[in-house]
Amino acid sequence: MDSHEFAGRVEAMQGALYRVAYGLLLNRADCADAVQEALARAWEKRRSLREEAYFETWLTRILINECYSMLRRRKTTLPIDSLPEPAAPPDADPALHDAVARLDRKLRLPVVLHYMEGYPVRDIARMLRLPSGTVKTRLARARALLRIQLSDENDLSEGRKR
């Protein structure tokens, strides 16, 4: 894969990469750093990609690994109360964004990949190195938790209006 083809494919999925990183890191600055680092790493390792048809899955996996590395480094350097409050993307429903952000990372990442980025379960399973059944279970659990969180918030807001 030459530099022009690499750049074209990356450009086509750049928004998705940022959304996946944001779904894990919940911090715009860290998100940009993770994407940049993942792209540099992917360029260095581009010859390890066995099938170009899996470029998106391969690059997303590199990004996920970089996000996990950043989270590990963050854990050792920053107390949790010093982390900034995540800002909702401008087009997102704030209540939904907050509910997704409160999900455990194991549930949040499949939600971001499937519902926000449109990846099929099979590709998510490959990215996360999990069986498809596990991805489906995590999506179902996340939906159930989101349903509860959003209905609780809706009940509270309706109670305040009365």
C-alpha atoms as a PDB file:
ATOM      1  CA  MET A   1       0.000   0.000   0.000  1.00  0.00           C
ATOM      2  CA  ASP A   2       1.548   3.304  -1.066  1.00  0.00           C
ATOM      3  CA  SER A   3       1.252   6.609   0.795  1.00  0.00           C
ATOM      4  CA  HIS A   4      -1.524   7.979  -1.458  1.00  0.00           C
ATOM      5  CA  GLU A   5      -3.724   4.916  -1.015  1.00  0.00           C
ATOM      6  CA  PHE A   6      -3.054   4.865   2.741  1.00  0.00           C
ATOM      7  CA  ALA A   7      -3.918   8.578   3.061  1.00  0.00           C
ATOM      8  CA  GLY A   8      -7.102   8.153   1.035  1.00  0.00           C
ATOM      9  CA  ARG A   9      -8.342   5.240   3.097  1.00  0.00           C
ATOM     10  CA  VAL A  10      -7.482   6.994   6.358  1.00  0.00           C
ATOM     11  CA  GLU A  11      -9.242  10.171   5.240  1.00  0.00           C
ATOM     12  CA  ALA A  12     -12.389   8.194   4.460  1.00  0.00           C
ATOM     13  CA  MET A  13     -12.557   6.810   7.988  1.00  0.00           C
ATOM     14  CA  GLN A  14     -11.044   9.667  10.002  1.00  0.00           C
ATOM     15  CA  GLY A  15     -14.349  10.735  11.563  1.00  0.00           C
ATOM     16  CA  ALA A  16     -15.072   7.173  12.635  1.00  0.00           C
ATOM     17  CA  LEU A  17     -11.608   6.876  14.189  1.00  0.00           C
ATOM     18  CA  TYR A  18     -12.169  10.003  16.270  1.00  0.00           C
ATOM     19  CA  ARG A  19     -15.583   8.812  17.419  1.00  0.00           C
ATOM     20  CA  VAL A  20     -14.221   5.399  18.445  1.00  0.00           C
ATOM     21  CA  ALA A  21     -11.365   7.034  20.361  1.00  0.00           C
ATOM     22  CA  TYR A  22     -13.764   9.464  22.012  1.00  0.00           C
ATOM     23  CA  GLY A  23     -16.044   6.597  22.961  1.00  0.00           C
ATOM     24  CA  LEU A  24     -13.191   5.066  24.922  1.00  0.00           C
ATOM     25  CA  LEU A  25     -11.288   8.088  26.212  1.00  0.00           C
ATOM     26  CA  LEU A  26     -14.096  10.646  26.700  1.00  0.00           C
ATOM     27  CA  ASN A  27     -11.558  13.440  26.230  1.00  0.00           C
ATOM     28  CA  ARG A  28     -11.054  15.324  22.967  1.00  0.00           C
ATOM     29  CA  ALA A  29      -7.338  16.070  23.433  1.00  0.00           C
ATOM     30  CA  ASP A  30      -6.506  12.458  24.292  1.00  0.00           C
ATOM     31  CA  CYS A  31      -8.707  11.333  21.416  1.00  0.00           C
ATOM     32  CA  ALA A  32      -6.694  13.383  18.896  1.00  0.00           C
ATOM     33  CA  ASP A  33      -3.419  12.084  20.354  1.00  0.00           C
ATOM     34  CA  ALA A  34      -4.617   8.482  20.188  1.00  0.00           C
ATOM     35  CA  VAL A  35      -5.719   8.784  16.563  1.00  0.00           C
ATOM     36  CA  GLN A  36      -2.441  10.424  15.572  1.00  0.00           C
ATOM     37  CA  GLU A  37      -0.396   7.767  17.347  1.00  0.00           C
ATOM     38  CA  ALA A  38      -2.499   4.951  15.866  1.00  0.00           C
ATOM     39  CA  LEU A  39      -2.049   6.342  12.356  1.00  0.00           C
ATOM     40  CA  ALA A  40       1.712   6.593  12.825  1.00  0.00           C
ATOM     41  CA  ARG A  41       1.820   3.039  14.129  1.00  0.00           C
ATOM     42  CA  ALA A  42      -0.376   1.782  11.277  1.00  0.00           C
ATOM     43  CA  TRP A  43       1.885   3.437   8.704  1.00  0.00           C
ATOM     44  CA  GLU A  44       4.932   1.752  10.260  1.00  0.00           C
ATOM     45  CA  LYS A  45       3.186  -1.641  10.362  1.00  0.00           C
ATOM     46  CA  ARG A  46       1.283  -1.387   7.058  1.00  0.00           C
ATOM     47  CA  ARG A  47       3.186  -4.341   5.613  1.00  0.00           C
ATOM     48  CA  SER A  48       1.805  -6.575   8.374  1.00  0.00           C
ATOM     49  CA  LEU A  49      -1.740  -6.155   6.993  1.00  0.00           C
ATOM     50  CA  ARG A  50      -2.402  -9.496   5.321  1.00  0.00           C
ATOM     51  CA  GLU A  51      -5.582  -8.599   3.452  1.00  0.00           C
ATOM     52  CA  GLU A  52      -6.331  -5.040   2.403  1.00  0.00           C
ATOM     53  CA  ALA A  53     -10.049  -5.809   2.646  1.00  0.00           C
ATOM     54  CA  TYR A  54      -9.581  -5.759   6.440  1.00  0.00           C
ATOM     55  CA  PHE A  55      -7.895  -2.330   6.513  1.00  0.00           C
ATOM     56  CA  GLU A  56     -10.688  -0.662   8.534  1.00  0.00           C
ATOM     57  CA  THR A  57     -10.831  -3.468  11.085  1.00  0.00           C
ATOM     58  CA  TRP A  58      -7.025  -3.573  11.336  1.00  0.00           C
ATOM     59  CA  LEU A  59      -6.666   0.189  11.805  1.00  0.00           C
ATOM     60  CA  THR A  60      -9.526   0.341  14.311  1.00  0.00           C
ATOM     61  CA  ARG A  61      -7.858  -2.431  16.333  1.00  0.00           C
ATOM     62  CA  ILE A  62      -4.595  -0.451  16.380  1.00  0.00           C
ATOM     63  CA  LEU A  63      -6.550   2.587  17.589  1.00  0.00           C
ATOM     64  CA  ILE A  64      -8.315   0.598  20.313  1.00  0.00           C
ATOM     65  CA  ASN A  65      -4.963  -0.727  21.535  1.00  0.00           C
ATOM     66  CA  GLU A  66      -3.571   2.813  21.623  1.00  0.00           C
ATOM     67  CA  CYS A  67      -6.604   4.035  23.580  1.00  0.00           C
ATOM     68  CA  TYR A  68      -6.161   1.239  26.114  1.00  0.00           C
ATOM     69  CA  SER A  69      -2.478   2.169  26.455  1.00  0.00           C
ATOM     70  CA  MET A  70      -3.434   5.784  27.085  1.00  0.00           C
ATOM     71  CA  LEU A  71      -5.998   4.734  29.687  1.00  0.00           C
ATOM     72  CA  ARG A  72      -3.366   2.644  31.474  1.00  0.00           C
ATOM     73  CA  ARG A  73      -0.946   5.593  31.474  1.00  0.00           C
ATOM     74  CA  ARG A  74      -3.711   7.939  32.619  1.00  0.00           C
ATOM     75  CA  LYS A  75      -4.554   5.610  35.506  1.00  0.00           C
ATOM     76  CA  THR A  76      -1.010   5.811  36.827  1.00  0.00           C
ATOM     77  CA  THR A  77      -0.635   9.572  36.446  1.00  0.00           C
ATOM     78  CA  LEU A  78      -3.972  11.278  37.140  1.00  0.00           C
ATOM     79  CA  PRO A  79      -6.450  10.902  39.973  1.00  0.00           C
ATOM     80  CA  ILE A  80      -9.949  10.388  38.624  1.00  0.00           C
ATOM     81  CA  ASP A  81     -11.337  13.622  40.093  1.00  0.00           C
ATOM     82  CA  SER A  82      -8.859  15.692  38.074  1.00  0.00           C
ATOM     83  CA  LEU A  83     -10.167  14.453  34.725  1.00  0.00           C
ATOM     84  CA  PRO A  84     -12.200  17.007  32.783  1.00  0.00           C
ATOM     85  CA  GLU A  85     -15.901  16.470  32.249  1.00  0.00           C
ATOM     86  CA  PRO A  86     -16.447  15.086  28.750  1.00  0.00           C
ATOM     87  CA  ALA A  87     -18.200  17.394  26.316  1.00  0.00           C
ATOM     88  CA  ALA A  88     -20.992  15.970  24.196  1.00  0.00           C
ATOM     89  CA  PRO A  89     -20.489  15.971  20.446  1.00  0.00           C
ATOM     90  CA  PRO A  90     -22.586  18.796  18.974  1.00  0.00           C
ATOM     91  CA  ASP A  91     -25.035  16.494  17.175  1.00  0.00           C
ATOM     92  CA  ALA A  92     -25.584  14.078  20.061  1.00  0.00           C
ATOM     93  CA  ASP A  93     -28.517  13.965  22.453  1.00  0.00           C
ATOM     94  CA  PRO A  94     -26.899  15.061  25.742  1.00  0.00           C
ATOM     95  CA  ALA A  95     -28.874  12.559  27.835  1.00  0.00           C
ATOM     96  CA  LEU A  96     -27.916   9.693  25.537  1.00  0.00           C
ATOM     97  CA  HIS A  97     -24.280  10.823  25.419  1.00  0.00           C
ATOM     98  CA  ASP A  98     -24.132  10.974  29.228  1.00  0.00           C
ATOM     99  CA  ALA A  99     -25.765   7.558  29.541  1.00  0.00           C
ATOM    100  CA  VAL A 100     -23.312   6.000  27.063  1.00  0.00           C
ATOM    101  CA  ALA A 101     -20.390   7.688  28.846  1.00  0.00           C
ATOM    102  CA  ARG A 102     -21.508   6.109  32.145  1.00  0.00           C
ATOM    103  CA  LEU A 103     -21.397   2.600  30.679  1.00  0.00           C
ATOM    104  CA  ASP A 104     -18.492   0.389  31.586  1.00  0.00           C
ATOM    105  CA  ARG A 105     -15.798   0.471  28.897  1.00  0.00           C
ATOM    106  CA  LYS A 106     -16.505  -3.180  27.982  1.00  0.00           C
ATOM    107  CA  LEU A 107     -20.061  -2.208  27.096  1.00  0.00           C
ATOM    108  CA  ARG A 108     -19.393   1.303  25.783  1.00  0.00           C
ATOM    109  CA  LEU A 109     -16.955   0.308  23.015  1.00  0.00           C
ATOM    110  CA  PRO A 110     -19.293  -2.164  21.262  1.00  0.00           C
ATOM    111  CA  VAL A 111     -22.095   0.438  21.464  1.00  0.00           C
ATOM    112  CA  VAL A 112     -19.922   3.095  19.835  1.00  0.00           C
ATOM    113  CA  LEU A 113     -18.679   0.717  17.145  1.00  0.00           C
ATOM    114  CA  HIS A 114     -22.084  -0.778  16.334  1.00  0.00           C
ATOM    115  CA  TYR A 115     -24.652   1.970  16.813  1.00  0.00           C
ATOM    116  CA  MET A 116     -22.572   5.068  16.149  1.00  0.00           C
ATOM    117  CA  GLU A 117     -20.171   3.745  13.517  1.00  0.00           C
ATOM    118  CA  GLY A 118     -22.340   1.065  11.957  1.00  0.00           C
ATOM    119  CA  TYR A 119     -19.881  -1.833  12.168  1.00  0.00           C
ATOM    120  CA  PRO A 120     -21.481  -5.280  11.997  1.00  0.00           C
ATOM    121  CA  VAL A 121     -21.126  -7.592  14.989  1.00  0.00           C
ATOM    122  CA  ARG A 122     -18.714  -9.824  13.046  1.00  0.00           C
ATOM    123  CA  ASP A 123     -16.268  -6.938  12.471  1.00  0.00           C
ATOM    124  CA  ILE A 124     -16.558  -5.749  16.072  1.00  0.00           C
ATOM    125  CA  ALA A 125     -15.784  -9.271  17.267  1.00  0.00           C
ATOM    126  CA  ARG A 126     -12.670  -9.281  15.095  1.00  0.00           C
ATOM    127  CA  MET A 127     -11.603  -5.822  16.335  1.00  0.00           C
ATOM    128  CA  LEU A 128     -12.088  -6.684  19.987  1.00  0.00           C
ATOM    129  CA  ARG A 129     -10.860 -10.260  19.613  1.00  0.00           C
ATOM    130  CA  LEU A 130     -14.053 -11.635  21.114  1.00  0.00           C
ATOM    131  CA  PRO A 131     -16.586 -14.232  19.987  1.00  0.00           C
ATOM    132  CA  SER A 132     -19.575 -12.743  18.137  1.00  0.00           C
ATOM    133  CA  GLY A 133     -21.873 -14.050  20.869  1.00  0.00           C
ATOM    134  CA  THR A 134     -19.976 -12.033  23.480  1.00  0.00           C
ATOM    135  CA  VAL A 135     -20.329  -8.869  21.404  1.00  0.00           C
ATOM    136  CA  LYS A 136     -24.077  -9.514  21.031  1.00  0.00           C
ATOM    137  CA  THR A 137     -24.391 -10.073  24.782  1.00  0.00           C
ATOM    138  CA  ARG A 138     -22.539  -6.844  25.557  1.00  0.00           C
ATOM    139  CA  LEU A 139     -24.739  -4.919  23.139  1.00  0.00           C
ATOM    140  CA  ALA A 140     -27.868  -6.378  24.751  1.00  0.00           C
ATOM    141  CA  ARG A 141     -26.632  -5.544  28.263  1.00  0.00           C
ATOM    142  CA  ALA A 142     -25.715  -2.028  27.173  1.00  0.00           C
ATOM    143  CA  ARG A 143     -29.153  -1.509  25.607  1.00  0.00           C
ATOM    144  CA  ALA A 144     -30.821  -2.696  28.809  1.00  0.00           C
ATOM    145  CA  LEU A 145     -28.702  -0.384  30.966  1.00  0.00           C
ATOM    146  CA  LEU A 146     -29.252   2.560  28.629  1.00  0.00           C
ATOM    147  CA  ARG A 147     -32.992   1.913  28.642  1.00  0.00           C
ATOM    148  CA  ILE A 148     -32.994   1.977  32.463  1.00  0.00           C
ATOM    149  CA  GLN A 149     -30.766   5.053  32.707  1.00  0.00           C
ATOM    150  CA  LEU A 150     -32.727   7.021  30.134  1.00  0.00           C
ATOM    151  CA  SER A 151     -36.125   6.077  31.577  1.00  0.00           C
ATOM    152  CA  ASP A 152     -34.933   7.031  35.089  1.00  0.00           C
ATOM    153  CA  GLU A 153     -33.727  10.405  33.797  1.00  0.00           C
ATOM    154  CA  ASN A 154     -36.980  10.885  31.911  1.00  0.00           C
ATOM    155  CA  ASP A 155     -38.985  10.084  35.058  1.00  0.00           C
ATOM    156  CA  LEU A 156     -36.904  12.583  37.054  1.00  0.00           C
ATOM    157  CA  SER A 157     -37.293  15.365  34.500  1.00  0.00           C
ATOM    158  CA  GLU A 158     -41.058  14.780  34.254  1.00  0.00           C
ATOM    159  CA  GLY A 159     -41.278  14.878  38.044  1.00  0.00           C
ATOM    160  CA  ARG A 160     -39.556  18.270  38.103  1.00  0.00           C
ATOM    161  CA  LYS A 161     -41.994  19.678  35.538  1.00  0.00           C
ATOM    162  CA  ARG A 162     -45.071  18.813  37.622  1.00  0.00           C
END
